[in-house]
Amino acid sequence: MFMPILLQSIKKRIDFLRISKVGRKKFTKGFILQKVKRNDSSNTYLNKDFARVGLTVTKKVGTAVVRNKIKRRLRSLSNEILTNVGKKNYDYVIIANKKAAVMKYQELKEDLINAIK
């Protein structure tokens, strides 16, 4: 039987920097997905059964209203997709661009599924 993966959010800047430096990048129309496998045997507070996800939406994308809309959509997508398709013990960072605000939800969903594979 399939068990969905639990998600944690990435909050610390040092984690975002490490992922951007080490992680593999996939470019899509609406965002960039960075992913890296965690190998932190030194960090006992991180459970191996989790995937972690972080969202980045810069001020270049638009006003606060637009940025918050994009974050809500991407958060919903990551909860929907990464719990089923994502891999355990991986960190994912989604960096949105301007097109993410005008893209259809279904397009973003397909982009995320293709980028994870």
Protein backbone atom coordinates (compact mmCIF):
# COMPACT_ATOMS: atom_id res chain seq x y z
CA MET A 1 0.00 0.00 0.00
CA PHE A 2 1.26 3.48 -0.86
CA MET A 3 1.99 5.87 2.01
CA PRO A 4 2.14 9.58 1.23
CA ILE A 5 5.33 11.39 2.15
CA LEU A 6 5.14 13.91 4.95
CA LEU A 7 6.37 17.42 4.14
CA GLN A 8 8.29 19.86 6.29
CA SER A 9 9.06 23.41 5.29
CA ILE A 10 12.55 24.81 4.88
CA LYS A 11 12.89 27.96 6.94
CA LYS A 12 16.58 28.65 7.47
CA ARG A 13 18.53 30.73 4.97
CA ILE A 14 21.56 28.48 5.28
CA ASP A 15 19.48 25.55 4.01
CA PHE A 16 18.26 27.58 1.00
CA LEU A 17 21.86 28.57 0.20
CA ARG A 18 23.11 24.97 0.49
CA ILE A 19 20.38 23.70 -1.81
CA SER A 20 21.03 26.41 -4.40
CA LYS A 21 24.75 25.62 -4.34
CA VAL A 22 24.59 21.82 -4.37
CA GLY A 23 21.16 21.00 -5.78
CA ARG A 24 20.13 20.06 -9.30
CA LYS A 25 18.04 22.69 -11.08
CA LYS A 26 15.11 22.13 -13.41
CA PHE A 27 13.79 25.14 -15.31
CA THR A 28 10.12 25.31 -16.23
CA LYS A 29 7.91 28.05 -17.61
CA GLY A 30 6.62 29.21 -14.22
CA PHE A 31 9.41 28.38 -11.77
CA ILE A 32 12.79 26.81 -11.09
CA LEU A 33 12.87 23.63 -9.03
CA GLN A 34 16.03 22.89 -7.08
CA LYS A 35 16.35 19.48 -5.48
CA VAL A 36 19.02 17.79 -3.45
CA LYS A 37 19.21 14.54 -1.51
CA ARG A 38 19.85 15.10 2.18
CA ASN A 39 22.67 13.14 3.74
CA ASP A 40 22.71 14.64 7.20
CA SER A 41 23.70 11.89 9.54
CA SER A 42 24.96 14.64 11.85
CA ASN A 43 21.51 16.27 12.05
CA THR A 44 19.47 13.96 14.22
CA TYR A 45 16.53 16.40 14.37
CA LEU A 46 15.75 15.77 10.69
CA ASN A 47 13.68 12.67 10.17
CA LYS A 48 14.65 10.59 7.13
CA ASP A 49 11.00 9.91 6.27
CA PHE A 50 10.28 13.52 5.37
CA ALA A 51 10.68 15.60 2.25
CA ARG A 52 11.30 19.29 2.85
CA VAL A 53 10.03 22.07 0.62
CA GLY A 54 10.83 25.78 0.48
CA LEU A 55 9.23 28.51 -1.60
CA THR A 56 10.91 31.67 -2.89
CA VAL A 57 8.99 34.49 -4.53
CA THR A 58 11.06 37.66 -4.92
CA LYS A 59 9.85 41.25 -5.16
CA LYS A 60 10.70 41.23 -8.87
CA VAL A 61 7.65 39.03 -9.41
CA GLY A 62 5.12 41.64 -8.32
CA THR A 63 3.29 43.30 -5.47
CA ALA A 64 2.64 41.59 -2.14
CA VAL A 65 -0.81 40.53 -3.32
CA VAL A 66 0.62 38.81 -6.40
CA ARG A 67 3.47 37.20 -4.44
CA ASN A 68 1.07 35.85 -1.83
CA LYS A 69 -1.20 34.43 -4.53
CA ILE A 70 1.76 32.64 -6.11
CA LYS A 71 2.89 31.30 -2.73
CA ARG A 72 -0.60 29.98 -1.97
CA ARG A 73 -0.78 28.24 -5.34
CA LEU A 74 2.72 26.75 -5.05
CA ARG A 75 2.11 25.63 -1.46
CA SER A 76 -1.08 23.90 -2.55
CA LEU A 77 0.72 22.28 -5.48
CA SER A 78 3.61 21.07 -3.36
CA ASN A 79 1.23 19.54 -0.81
CA GLU A 80 -0.70 17.84 -3.59
CA ILE A 81 2.23 16.65 -5.71
CA LEU A 82 5.26 16.17 -3.46
CA THR A 83 3.35 13.99 -1.00
CA ASN A 84 2.70 11.52 -3.84
CA VAL A 85 5.53 11.95 -6.36
CA GLY A 86 8.35 13.40 -4.21
CA LYS A 87 11.09 11.31 -2.69
CA LYS A 88 11.85 10.82 0.98
CA ASN A 89 14.98 12.47 2.36
CA TYR A 90 14.99 15.13 -0.40
CA ASP A 91 14.91 18.92 -0.15
CA TYR A 92 12.98 20.86 -2.80
CA VAL A 93 13.08 24.62 -3.36
CA ILE A 94 10.63 26.24 -5.77
CA ILE A 95 11.66 29.67 -7.06
CA ALA A 96 8.74 31.36 -8.80
CA ASN A 97 8.99 33.76 -11.72
CA LYS A 98 6.50 36.28 -13.14
CA LYS A 99 4.74 33.78 -15.38
CA ALA A 100 3.62 31.73 -12.36
CA ALA A 101 1.03 34.41 -11.57
CA VAL A 102 -0.75 34.11 -14.92
CA MET A 103 -0.32 30.40 -15.61
CA LYS A 104 -3.24 28.04 -15.11
CA TYR A 105 -3.11 25.81 -12.03
CA GLN A 106 -3.11 22.69 -14.23
CA GLU A 107 -0.09 23.97 -16.21
CA LEU A 108 1.85 24.61 -13.00
CA LYS A 109 0.88 21.15 -11.78
CA GLU A 110 2.16 19.45 -14.94
CA ASP A 111 5.38 21.48 -14.82
CA LEU A 112 6.00 20.44 -11.21
CA ILE A 113 5.34 16.76 -11.92
CA ASN A 114 7.73 16.83 -14.90
CA ALA A 115 10.41 18.74 -12.97
CA ILE A 116 10.40 16.28 -10.06
CA LYS A 117 11.02 13.26 -12.29
